[in-house]
PDB file of N, CA and C in Angstrom:
ATOM      1  N   MET A   1      -3.418  13.738  -2.097  1.00  0.00           N
ATOM      2  CA  MET A   1      -4.362  12.784  -1.526  1.00  0.00           C
ATOM      3  C   MET A   1      -4.119  12.625  -0.019  1.00  0.00           C
ATOM      4  N   SER A   2      -5.158  12.362   0.675  1.00  0.00           N
ATOM      5  CA  SER A   2      -5.068  12.162   2.114  1.00  0.00           C
ATOM      6  C   SER A   2      -4.798  10.706   2.432  1.00  0.00           C
ATOM      7  N   ASP A   3      -4.222  10.493   3.608  1.00  0.00           N
ATOM      8  CA  ASP A   3      -4.035   9.138   4.114  1.00  0.00           C
ATOM      9  C   ASP A   3      -4.970   8.993   5.311  1.00  0.00           C
ATOM     10  N   TYR A   4      -5.954   8.130   5.189  1.00  0.00           N
ATOM     11  CA  TYR A   4      -6.997   7.984   6.206  1.00  0.00           C
ATOM     12  C   TYR A   4      -6.642   6.971   7.299  1.00  0.00           C
ATOM     13  N   THR A   5      -5.535   6.271   7.164  1.00  0.00           N
ATOM     14  CA  THR A   5      -5.232   5.148   8.050  1.00  0.00           C
ATOM     15  C   THR A   5      -5.112   5.559   9.511  1.00  0.00           C
ATOM     16  N   LYS A   6      -4.344   6.592   9.802  1.00  0.00           N
ATOM     17  CA  LYS A   6      -4.105   6.996  11.190  1.00  0.00           C
ATOM     18  C   LYS A   6      -5.408   7.403  11.881  1.00  0.00           C
ATOM     19  N   GLU A   7      -6.195   8.216  11.195  1.00  0.00           N
ATOM     20  CA  GLU A   7      -7.473   8.668  11.762  1.00  0.00           C
ATOM     21  C   GLU A   7      -8.458   7.508  11.904  1.00  0.00           C
ATOM     22  N   LEU A   8      -8.449   6.594  10.942  1.00  0.00           N
ATOM     23  CA  LEU A   8      -9.325   5.422  10.985  1.00  0.00           C
ATOM     24  C   LEU A   8      -8.987   4.540  12.185  1.00  0.00           C
ATOM     25  N   LYS A   9      -7.705   4.280  12.394  1.00  0.00           N
ATOM     26  CA  LYS A   9      -7.287   3.442  13.529  1.00  0.00           C
ATOM     27  C   LYS A   9      -7.661   4.076  14.859  1.00  0.00           C
ATOM     28  N   ARG A  10      -7.502   5.388  14.962  1.00  0.00           N
ATOM     29  CA  ARG A  10      -7.863   6.087  16.199  1.00  0.00           C
ATOM     30  C   ARG A  10      -9.367   5.957  16.461  1.00  0.00           C
ATOM     31  N   TYR A  11     -10.167   6.097  15.415  1.00  0.00           N
ATOM     32  CA  TYR A  11     -11.620   5.976  15.540  1.00  0.00           C
ATOM     33  C   TYR A  11     -12.020   4.553  15.941  1.00  0.00           C
ATOM     34  N   LEU A  12     -11.358   3.560  15.353  1.00  0.00           N
ATOM     35  CA  LEU A  12     -11.647   2.162  15.683  1.00  0.00           C
ATOM     36  C   LEU A  12     -11.292   1.853  17.135  1.00  0.00           C
ATOM     37  N   LEU A  13     -10.143   2.331  17.595  1.00  0.00           N
ATOM     38  CA  LEU A  13      -9.738   2.100  18.984  1.00  0.00           C
ATOM     39  C   LEU A  13     -10.719   2.751  19.961  1.00  0.00           C
ATOM     40  N   ASP A  14     -11.172   3.955  19.642  1.00  0.00           N
ATOM     41  CA  ASP A  14     -12.142   4.646  20.500  1.00  0.00           C
ATOM     42  C   ASP A  14     -13.475   3.897  20.561  1.00  0.00           C
ATOM     43  N   ALA A  15     -13.790   3.157  19.493  1.00  0.00           N
ATOM     44  CA  ALA A  15     -15.052   2.410  19.438  1.00  0.00           C
ATOM     45  C   ALA A  15     -14.935   1.029  20.080  1.00  0.00           C
ATOM     46  N   GLY A  16     -13.732   0.668  20.546  1.00  0.00           N
ATOM     47  CA  GLY A  16     -13.559  -0.607  21.222  1.00  0.00           C
ATOM     48  C   GLY A  16     -12.960  -1.708  20.368  1.00  0.00           C
ATOM     49  N   CYS A  17     -12.674  -1.430  19.106  1.00  0.00           N
ATOM     50  CA  CYS A  17     -12.042  -2.426  18.246  1.00  0.00           C
ATOM     51  C   CYS A  17     -10.581  -2.567  18.666  1.00  0.00           C
ATOM     52  N   ARG A  18      -9.986  -3.711  18.353  1.00  0.00           N
ATOM     53  CA  ARG A  18      -8.597  -3.925  18.759  1.00  0.00           C
ATOM     54  C   ARG A  18      -7.798  -4.609  17.659  1.00  0.00           C
ATOM     55  N   PHE A  19      -6.499  -4.317  17.672  1.00  0.00           N
ATOM     56  CA  PHE A  19      -5.574  -4.957  16.758  1.00  0.00           C
ATOM     57  C   PHE A  19      -5.452  -6.422  17.140  1.00  0.00           C
ATOM     58  N   ASP A  20      -5.518  -7.331  16.149  1.00  0.00           N
ATOM     59  CA  ASP A  20      -5.411  -8.757  16.418  1.00  0.00           C
ATOM     60  C   ASP A  20      -4.045  -9.295  16.023  1.00  0.00           C
ATOM     61  N   ARG A  21      -3.646  -9.046  14.760  1.00  0.00           N
ATOM     62  CA  ARG A  21      -2.348  -9.539  14.289  1.00  0.00           C
ATOM     63  C   ARG A  21      -2.000  -8.875  12.968  1.00  0.00           C
ATOM     64  N   TYR A  22      -0.765  -9.088  12.539  1.00  0.00           N
ATOM     65  CA  TYR A  22      -0.341  -8.589  11.240  1.00  0.00           C
ATOM     66  C   TYR A  22      -0.752  -9.575  10.157  1.00  0.00           C
ATOM     67  N   GLY A  23      -1.111  -9.049   8.997  1.00  0.00           N
ATOM     68  CA  GLY A  23      -1.453  -9.878   7.847  1.00  0.00           C
ATOM     69  C   GLY A  23      -0.318  -9.848   6.847  1.00  0.00           C
ATOM     70  N   LYS A  24      -0.615 -10.203   5.607  1.00  0.00           N
ATOM     71  CA  LYS A  24       0.401 -10.189   4.563  1.00  0.00           C
ATOM     72  C   LYS A  24       0.701  -8.759   4.128  1.00  0.00           C
ATOM     73  N   GLY A  25       1.945  -8.526   3.786  1.00  0.00           N
ATOM     74  CA  GLY A  25       2.346  -7.200   3.312  1.00  0.00           C
ATOM     75  C   GLY A  25       2.173  -6.153   4.387  1.00  0.00           C
ATOM     76  N   ASP A  26       1.502  -5.068   4.043  1.00  0.00           N
ATOM     77  CA  ASP A  26       1.303  -3.981   5.005  1.00  0.00           C
ATOM     78  C   ASP A  26      -0.126  -3.959   5.546  1.00  0.00           C
ATOM     79  N   HIS A  27      -0.726  -5.116   5.657  1.00  0.00           N
ATOM     80  CA  HIS A  27      -2.096  -5.227   6.163  1.00  0.00           C
ATOM     81  C   HIS A  27      -2.102  -5.662   7.627  1.00  0.00           C
ATOM     82  N   GLU A  28      -3.146  -5.276   8.323  1.00  0.00           N
ATOM     83  CA  GLU A  28      -3.349  -5.674   9.717  1.00  0.00           C
ATOM     84  C   GLU A  28      -4.736  -6.283   9.851  1.00  0.00           C
ATOM     85  N   ILE A  29      -4.869  -7.233  10.764  1.00  0.00           N
ATOM     86  CA  ILE A  29      -6.154  -7.854  11.068  1.00  0.00           C
ATOM     87  C   ILE A  29      -6.632  -7.276  12.397  1.00  0.00           C
ATOM     88  N   TRP A  30      -7.843  -6.752  12.397  1.00  0.00           N
ATOM     89  CA  TRP A  30      -8.444  -6.169  13.582  1.00  0.00           C
ATOM     90  C   TRP A  30      -9.706  -6.939  13.943  1.00  0.00           C
ATOM     91  N   PHE A  31     -10.139  -6.806  15.198  1.00  0.00           N
ATOM     92  CA  PHE A  31     -11.344  -7.463  15.685  1.00  0.00           C
ATOM     93  C   PHE A  31     -12.332  -6.415  16.171  1.00  0.00           C
ATOM     94  N   SER A  32     -13.606  -6.591  15.805  1.00  0.00           N
ATOM     95  CA  SER A  32     -14.662  -5.693  16.244  1.00  0.00           C
ATOM     96  C   SER A  32     -15.574  -6.410  17.243  1.00  0.00           C
ATOM     97  N   PRO A  33     -15.700  -5.882  18.464  1.00  0.00           N
ATOM     98  CA  PRO A  33     -16.621  -6.487  19.433  1.00  0.00           C
ATOM     99  C   PRO A  33     -18.087  -6.220  19.082  1.00  0.00           C
ATOM    100  N   ILE A  34     -18.341  -5.291  18.187  1.00  0.00           N
ATOM    101  CA  ILE A  34     -19.708  -4.967  17.780  1.00  0.00           C
ATOM    102  C   ILE A  34     -20.252  -6.052  16.858  1.00  0.00           C
ATOM    103  N   THR A  35     -19.474  -6.404  15.824  1.00  0.00           N
ATOM    104  CA  THR A  35     -19.912  -7.411  14.852  1.00  0.00           C
ATOM    105  C   THR A  35     -19.351  -8.790  15.160  1.00  0.00           C
ATOM    106  N   MET A  36     -18.391  -8.858  16.082  1.00  0.00           N
ATOM    107  CA  MET A  36     -17.729 -10.124  16.460  1.00  0.00           C
ATOM    108  C   MET A  36     -17.014 -10.781  15.273  1.00  0.00           C
ATOM    109  N   ILE A  37     -16.485  -9.972  14.368  1.00  0.00           N
ATOM    110  CA  ILE A  37     -15.716 -10.505  13.243  1.00  0.00           C
ATOM    111  C   ILE A  37     -14.360  -9.804  13.165  1.00  0.00           C
ATOM    112  N   LYS A  38     -13.452 -10.440  12.437  1.00  0.00           N
ATOM    113  CA  LYS A  38     -12.152  -9.854  12.146  1.00  0.00           C
ATOM    114  C   LYS A  38     -12.216  -9.224  10.758  1.00  0.00           C
ATOM    115  N   PHE A  39     -11.504  -8.123  10.584  1.00  0.00           N
ATOM    116  CA  PHE A  39     -11.481  -7.432   9.296  1.00  0.00           C
ATOM    117  C   PHE A  39     -10.073  -6.914   9.024  1.00  0.00           C
ATOM    118  N   VAL A  40      -9.817  -6.614   7.759  1.00  0.00           N
ATOM    119  CA  VAL A  40      -8.478  -6.227   7.304  1.00  0.00           C
ATOM    120  C   VAL A  40      -8.391  -4.715   7.125  1.00  0.00           C
ATOM    121  N   ILE A  41      -7.249  -4.154   7.550  1.00  0.00           N
ATOM    122  CA  ILE A  41      -6.953  -2.742   7.324  1.00  0.00           C
ATOM    123  C   ILE A  41      -5.630  -2.647   6.585  1.00  0.00           C
ATOM    124  N   ASP A  42      -5.628  -1.918   5.476  1.00  0.00           N
ATOM    125  CA  ASP A  42      -4.403  -1.615   4.743  1.00  0.00           C
ATOM    126  C   ASP A  42      -3.734  -0.433   5.441  1.00  0.00           C
ATOM    127  N   ASN A  43      -2.422  -0.406   5.491  1.00  0.00           N
ATOM    128  CA  ASN A  43      -1.726   0.690   6.164  1.00  0.00           C
ATOM    129  C   ASN A  43      -1.548   1.922   5.294  1.00  0.00           C
ATOM    130  N   ARG A  44      -2.094   1.906   4.089  1.00  0.00           N
ATOM    131  CA  ARG A  44      -2.033   3.081   3.216  1.00  0.00           C
ATOM    132  C   ARG A  44      -3.389   3.291   2.544  1.00  0.00           C
ATOM    133  N   ILE A  45      -4.388   3.657   3.327  1.00  0.00           N
ATOM    134  CA  ILE A  45      -5.730   3.875   2.787  1.00  0.00           C
ATOM    135  C   ILE A  45      -5.802   5.298   2.238  1.00  0.00           C
ATOM    136  N   LYS A  46      -5.972   5.424   0.932  1.00  0.00           N
ATOM    137  CA  LYS A  46      -6.010   6.729   0.266  1.00  0.00           C
ATOM    138  C   LYS A  46      -7.425   7.161  -0.093  1.00  0.00           C
ATOM    139  N   SER A  47      -8.387   6.260  -0.031  1.00  0.00           N
ATOM    140  CA  SER A  47      -9.753   6.547  -0.455  1.00  0.00           C
ATOM    141  C   SER A  47     -10.696   6.601   0.744  1.00  0.00           C
ATOM    142  N   ARG A  48     -11.529   7.628   0.772  1.00  0.00           N
ATOM    143  CA  ARG A  48     -12.508   7.716   1.863  1.00  0.00           C
ATOM    144  C   ARG A  48     -13.534   6.598   1.755  1.00  0.00           C
ATOM    145  N   HIS A  49     -13.763   6.110   0.542  1.00  0.00           N
ATOM    146  CA  HIS A  49     -14.706   5.016   0.338  1.00  0.00           C
ATOM    147  C   HIS A  49     -14.178   3.732   0.980  1.00  0.00           C
ATOM    148  N   THR A  50     -12.894   3.494   0.858  1.00  0.00           N
ATOM    149  CA  THR A  50     -12.281   2.321   1.493  1.00  0.00           C
ATOM    150  C   THR A  50     -12.331   2.451   3.010  1.00  0.00           C
ATOM    151  N   ALA A  51     -12.039   3.640   3.520  1.00  0.00           N
ATOM    152  CA  ALA A  51     -12.094   3.876   4.967  1.00  0.00           C
ATOM    153  C   ALA A  51     -13.498   3.638   5.505  1.00  0.00           C
ATOM    154  N   ASN A  52     -14.503   4.123   4.793  1.00  0.00           N
ATOM    155  CA  ASN A  52     -15.888   3.908   5.221  1.00  0.00           C
ATOM    156  C   ASN A  52     -16.290   2.439   5.109  1.00  0.00           C
ATOM    157  N   ALA A  53     -15.751   1.708   4.137  1.00  0.00           N
ATOM    158  CA  ALA A  53     -16.039   0.281   4.006  1.00  0.00           C
ATOM    159  C   ALA A  53     -15.477  -0.494   5.196  1.00  0.00           C
ATOM    160  N   VAL A  54     -14.306  -0.094   5.679  1.00  0.00           N
ATOM    161  CA  VAL A  54     -13.730  -0.724   6.877  1.00  0.00           C
ATOM    162  C   VAL A  54     -14.631  -0.460   8.077  1.00  0.00           C
ATOM    163  N   LEU A  55     -15.111   0.766   8.209  1.00  0.00           N
ATOM    164  CA  LEU A  55     -16.015   1.100   9.314  1.00  0.00           C
ATOM    165  C   LEU A  55     -17.294   0.282   9.243  1.00  0.00           C
ATOM    166  N   LYS A  56     -17.796   0.058   8.054  1.00  0.00           N
ATOM    167  CA  LYS A  56     -19.010  -0.746   7.881  1.00  0.00           C
ATOM    168  C   LYS A  56     -18.772  -2.178   8.347  1.00  0.00           C
ATOM    169  N   GLN A  57     -17.606  -2.732   8.006  1.00  0.00           N
ATOM    170  CA  GLN A  57     -17.279  -4.089   8.451  1.00  0.00           C
ATOM    171  C   GLN A  57     -17.175  -4.155   9.966  1.00  0.00           C
ATOM    172  N   ALA A  58     -16.732  -3.064  10.583  1.00  0.00           N
ATOM    173  CA  ALA A  58     -16.596  -3.012  12.040  1.00  0.00           C
ATOM    174  C   ALA A  58     -17.929  -2.715  12.726  1.00  0.00           C
ATOM    175  N   GLY A  59     -18.977  -2.426  11.950  1.00  0.00           N
ATOM    176  CA  GLY A  59     -20.286  -2.149  12.536  1.00  0.00           C
ATOM    177  C   GLY A  59     -20.446  -0.715  12.983  1.00  0.00           C
ATOM    178  N   LEU A  60     -19.659   0.191  12.409  1.00  0.00           N
ATOM    179  CA  LEU A  60     -19.700   1.606  12.802  1.00  0.00           C
ATOM    180  C   LEU A  60     -20.272   2.451  11.656  1.00  0.00           C
ATOM    181  N   PRO A  61     -20.824   3.621  11.968  1.00  0.00           N
ATOM    182  CA  PRO A  61     -21.372   4.482  10.909  1.00  0.00           C
ATOM    183  C   PRO A  61     -20.247   5.152  10.111  1.00  0.00           C
ATOM    184  N   LYS A  62     -20.612   5.655   8.923  1.00  0.00           N
ATOM    185  CA  LYS A  62     -19.652   6.358   8.076  1.00  0.00           C
ATOM    186  C   LYS A  62     -19.095   7.555   8.824  1.00  0.00           C
ATOM    187  N   GLN A  63     -17.809   7.799   8.666  1.00  0.00           N
ATOM    188  CA  GLN A  63     -17.152   8.897   9.354  1.00  0.00           C
ATOM    189  C   GLN A  63     -16.439   9.834   8.373  1.00  0.00           C
ATOM    190  N   PHE A  64     -16.075   9.328   7.209  1.00  0.00           N
ATOM    191  CA  PHE A  64     -15.264  10.112   6.264  1.00  0.00           C
ATOM    192  C   PHE A  64     -16.046  10.512   5.041  1.00  0.00           C
TER     193      PHE A  64
END
Protein backbone atom coordinates (compact mmCIF):
# COMPACT_ATOMS: atom_id res chain seq x y z
CA MET A 1 0.00 0.00 0.00
CA SER A 2 1.09 3.54 -0.65
CA ASP A 3 1.39 6.30 1.90
CA TYR A 4 -0.17 9.46 0.47
CA THR A 5 0.66 11.79 3.38
CA LYS A 6 3.97 13.22 2.16
CA GLU A 7 2.70 13.93 -1.36
CA LEU A 8 -0.58 15.33 0.01
CA LYS A 9 1.22 17.76 2.33
CA ARG A 10 3.48 18.95 -0.49
CA TYR A 11 0.43 19.56 -2.70
CA LEU A 12 -1.36 21.45 0.09
CA LEU A 13 1.67 23.67 0.76
CA ASP A 14 1.99 24.48 -2.95
CA ALA A 15 -1.70 25.49 -2.96
CA GLY A 16 -1.18 27.93 -0.08
CA CYS A 17 -2.52 25.83 2.79
CA ARG A 18 -0.55 25.92 6.02
CA PHE A 19 0.05 23.83 9.10
CA ASP A 20 -1.84 25.25 12.09
CA ARG A 21 -1.16 22.92 15.03
CA TYR A 22 -0.86 19.33 16.17
CA GLY A 23 -4.03 17.42 17.03
CA LYS A 24 -4.57 14.27 19.05
CA GLY A 25 -2.40 11.27 18.30
CA ASP A 26 -0.71 11.51 14.93
CA HIS A 27 -3.11 14.06 13.46
CA GLU A 28 -2.37 17.61 12.34
CA ILE A 29 -4.70 20.58 11.92
CA TRP A 30 -4.20 22.59 8.73
CA PHE A 31 -5.79 25.80 7.45
CA SER A 32 -6.99 26.44 3.90
CA PRO A 33 -7.10 30.06 2.65
CA ILE A 34 -9.41 28.89 -0.16
CA THR A 35 -12.25 27.63 2.06
CA MET A 36 -11.18 29.58 5.19
CA ILE A 37 -11.61 26.47 7.35
CA LYS A 38 -9.35 24.19 9.36
CA PHE A 39 -9.18 20.49 8.50
CA VAL A 40 -7.51 17.38 9.90
CA ILE A 41 -4.74 15.33 8.28
CA ASP A 42 -3.73 11.90 9.55
CA ASN A 43 0.01 11.22 9.30
CA ARG A 44 -0.58 7.75 7.85
CA ILE A 45 -3.03 8.12 4.97
CA LYS A 46 -3.16 4.78 3.12
CA SER A 47 -6.26 5.38 0.98
CA ARG A 48 -6.44 7.60 -2.08
CA HIS A 49 -10.09 8.22 -1.20
CA THR A 50 -9.08 9.71 2.15
CA ALA A 51 -6.40 11.84 0.48
CA ASN A 52 -8.93 13.16 -2.03
CA ALA A 53 -11.42 13.87 0.80
CA VAL A 54 -8.78 16.04 2.51
CA LEU A 55 -8.25 17.92 -0.76
CA LYS A 56 -12.00 18.46 -1.05
CA GLN A 57 -12.10 19.97 2.45
CA ALA A 58 -9.24 22.27 1.43
CA GLY A 59 -11.17 23.38 -1.67
CA LEU A 60 -8.81 21.70 -4.14
CA PRO A 61 -9.58 19.29 -7.01
CA LYS A 62 -8.93 15.54 -6.79
CA GLN A 63 -5.27 14.69 -7.30
CA PHE A 64 -4.95 10.99 -6.43
